[in-house]
Amino acid sequence: MWKFVIFAVAAFILWKMFAGDMKRRKEEAKKEQETLIAKGEMVKDPACGSYVSPDNSVRLREGDRTLHFCSYECRDKYLKQLESSKTKEG
């Protein structure tokens, strides 16, 4: 019986240690992303609003500016929105 109690307490302590470490890592990753956004090293996807690194993004040239997307799906969604807004105007 005591072995089971000791094992349960040890398992709980290990779980708390790993859970705390995971939480700390998530917070650090979020702070790092916020820093990159503030520095301008990450740009906002105009379709879904997520932030993406310009180096790893799907790009679309629109005139003299370049838009960055997180995926081809978001780029296609943006193009459909752009096309539908042009057909409504004309």
C-alpha atoms as a PDB file:
ATOM      1  CA  MET A   1       0.000   0.000   0.000  1.00  0.00           C
ATOM      2  CA  TRP A   2       2.810   2.435   0.887  1.00  0.00           C
ATOM      3  CA  LYS A   3       4.549   1.720  -2.393  1.00  0.00           C
ATOM      4  CA  PHE A   4       1.438   2.813  -4.279  1.00  0.00           C
ATOM      5  CA  VAL A   5       1.168   6.052  -2.266  1.00  0.00           C
ATOM      6  CA  ILE A   6       4.850   6.856  -2.784  1.00  0.00           C
ATOM      7  CA  PHE A   7       4.539   6.104  -6.508  1.00  0.00           C
ATOM      8  CA  ALA A   8       1.431   8.319  -6.802  1.00  0.00           C
ATOM      9  CA  VAL A   9       3.130  11.224  -4.997  1.00  0.00           C
ATOM     10  CA  ALA A  10       6.258  10.884  -7.164  1.00  0.00           C
ATOM     11  CA  ALA A  11       4.140  10.776 -10.338  1.00  0.00           C
ATOM     12  CA  PHE A  12       2.228  13.881  -9.238  1.00  0.00           C
ATOM     13  CA  ILE A  13       5.449  15.777  -8.518  1.00  0.00           C
ATOM     14  CA  LEU A  14       6.905  14.837 -11.903  1.00  0.00           C
ATOM     15  CA  TRP A  15       3.687  15.861 -13.648  1.00  0.00           C
ATOM     16  CA  LYS A  16       3.715  19.257 -11.907  1.00  0.00           C
ATOM     17  CA  MET A  17       7.350  19.807 -12.889  1.00  0.00           C
ATOM     18  CA  PHE A  18       6.717  19.030 -16.557  1.00  0.00           C
ATOM     19  CA  ALA A  19       3.457  21.010 -16.657  1.00  0.00           C
ATOM     20  CA  GLY A  20       5.208  24.056 -15.195  1.00  0.00           C
ATOM     21  CA  ASP A  21       8.051  23.735 -17.685  1.00  0.00           C
ATOM     22  CA  MET A  22       5.634  23.519 -20.621  1.00  0.00           C
ATOM     23  CA  LYS A  23       3.775  26.611 -19.390  1.00  0.00           C
ATOM     24  CA  ARG A  24       7.035  28.536 -19.037  1.00  0.00           C
ATOM     25  CA  ARG A  25       8.111  27.562 -22.558  1.00  0.00           C
ATOM     26  CA  LYS A  26       4.779  28.715 -24.023  1.00  0.00           C
ATOM     27  CA  GLU A  27       5.092  32.067 -22.252  1.00  0.00           C
ATOM     28  CA  GLU A  28       8.659  32.517 -23.512  1.00  0.00           C
ATOM     29  CA  ALA A  29       7.617  31.673 -27.084  1.00  0.00           C
ATOM     30  CA  LYS A  30       4.767  34.179 -26.891  1.00  0.00           C
ATOM     31  CA  LYS A  31       7.106  36.900 -25.593  1.00  0.00           C
ATOM     32  CA  GLU A  32       9.600  36.138 -28.363  1.00  0.00           C
ATOM     33  CA  GLN A  33       6.857  36.398 -31.002  1.00  0.00           C
ATOM     34  CA  GLU A  34       5.685  39.712 -29.551  1.00  0.00           C
ATOM     35  CA  THR A  35       9.273  40.995 -29.700  1.00  0.00           C
ATOM     36  CA  LEU A  36       9.606  39.962 -33.344  1.00  0.00           C
ATOM     37  CA  ILE A  37       6.303  41.647 -34.183  1.00  0.00           C
ATOM     38  CA  ALA A  38       7.420  44.853 -32.452  1.00  0.00           C
ATOM     39  CA  LYS A  39      10.728  44.814 -34.341  1.00  0.00           C
ATOM     40  CA  GLY A  40       8.899  44.358 -37.631  1.00  0.00           C
ATOM     41  CA  GLU A  41      10.436  40.955 -38.278  1.00  0.00           C
ATOM     42  CA  MET A  42       6.975  39.384 -38.488  1.00  0.00           C
ATOM     43  CA  VAL A  43       4.123  40.670 -40.620  1.00  0.00           C
ATOM     44  CA  LYS A  44       0.370  40.224 -40.398  1.00  0.00           C
ATOM     45  CA  ASP A  45      -1.417  37.952 -42.855  1.00  0.00           C
ATOM     46  CA  PRO A  46      -4.168  40.112 -44.441  1.00  0.00           C
ATOM     47  CA  ALA A  47      -6.527  37.135 -44.858  1.00  0.00           C
ATOM     48  CA  CYS A  48      -6.527  35.445 -41.445  1.00  0.00           C
ATOM     49  CA  GLY A  49      -4.688  37.936 -39.241  1.00  0.00           C
ATOM     50  CA  SER A  50      -1.961  35.592 -38.024  1.00  0.00           C
ATOM     51  CA  TYR A  51       1.646  36.747 -37.895  1.00  0.00           C
ATOM     52  CA  VAL A  52       4.216  35.161 -40.163  1.00  0.00           C
ATOM     53  CA  SER A  53       7.910  35.573 -40.844  1.00  0.00           C
ATOM     54  CA  PRO A  54       8.509  37.236 -44.230  1.00  0.00           C
ATOM     55  CA  ASP A  55      11.247  34.696 -44.927  1.00  0.00           C
ATOM     56  CA  ASN A  56       8.882  31.704 -44.613  1.00  0.00           C
ATOM     57  CA  SER A  57       5.723  33.202 -46.058  1.00  0.00           C
ATOM     58  CA  VAL A  58       3.738  32.793 -49.248  1.00  0.00           C
ATOM     59  CA  ARG A  59       4.176  36.073 -51.104  1.00  0.00           C
ATOM     60  CA  LEU A  60       1.935  38.028 -53.442  1.00  0.00           C
ATOM     61  CA  ARG A  61       3.009  41.164 -55.261  1.00  0.00           C
ATOM     62  CA  GLU A  62       0.315  43.779 -55.539  1.00  0.00           C
ATOM     63  CA  GLY A  63       1.636  46.773 -57.402  1.00  0.00           C
ATOM     64  CA  ASP A  64       4.734  47.989 -55.587  1.00  0.00           C
ATOM     65  CA  ARG A  65       3.965  46.261 -52.286  1.00  0.00           C
ATOM     66  CA  THR A  66       4.418  42.646 -51.259  1.00  0.00           C
ATOM     67  CA  LEU A  67       1.819  40.853 -49.160  1.00  0.00           C
ATOM     68  CA  HIS A  68       2.789  37.922 -46.967  1.00  0.00           C
ATOM     69  CA  PHE A  69       0.474  34.988 -46.192  1.00  0.00           C
ATOM     70  CA  CYS A  70       0.786  32.067 -43.804  1.00  0.00           C
ATOM     71  CA  SER A  71      -0.458  29.537 -46.400  1.00  0.00           C
ATOM     72  CA  TYR A  72      -1.621  29.133 -49.966  1.00  0.00           C
ATOM     73  CA  GLU A  73      -5.182  28.799 -48.668  1.00  0.00           C
ATOM     74  CA  CYS A  74      -5.032  32.267 -47.108  1.00  0.00           C
ATOM     75  CA  ARG A  75      -3.544  33.711 -50.290  1.00  0.00           C
ATOM     76  CA  ASP A  76      -6.328  32.171 -52.378  1.00  0.00           C
ATOM     77  CA  LYS A  77      -8.940  33.430 -49.915  1.00  0.00           C
ATOM     78  CA  TYR A  78      -7.501  36.953 -50.222  1.00  0.00           C
ATOM     79  CA  LEU A  79      -7.510  36.756 -54.025  1.00  0.00           C
ATOM     80  CA  LYS A  80     -11.162  35.629 -54.023  1.00  0.00           C
ATOM     81  CA  GLN A  81     -12.093  38.531 -51.735  1.00  0.00           C
ATOM     82  CA  LEU A  82     -10.203  40.932 -53.986  1.00  0.00           C
ATOM     83  CA  GLU A  83     -11.903  39.540 -57.092  1.00  0.00           C
ATOM     84  CA  SER A  84     -15.369  39.719 -55.567  1.00  0.00           C
ATOM     85  CA  SER A  85     -14.838  43.325 -54.468  1.00  0.00           C
ATOM     86  CA  LYS A  86     -13.771  44.267 -58.030  1.00  0.00           C
ATOM     87  CA  THR A  87     -16.853  42.623 -59.557  1.00  0.00           C
ATOM     88  CA  LYS A  88     -19.123  44.491 -57.124  1.00  0.00           C
ATOM     89  CA  GLU A  89     -17.532  47.818 -58.081  1.00  0.00           C
ATOM     90  CA  GLY A  90     -17.719  47.262 -61.809  1.00  0.00           C
END
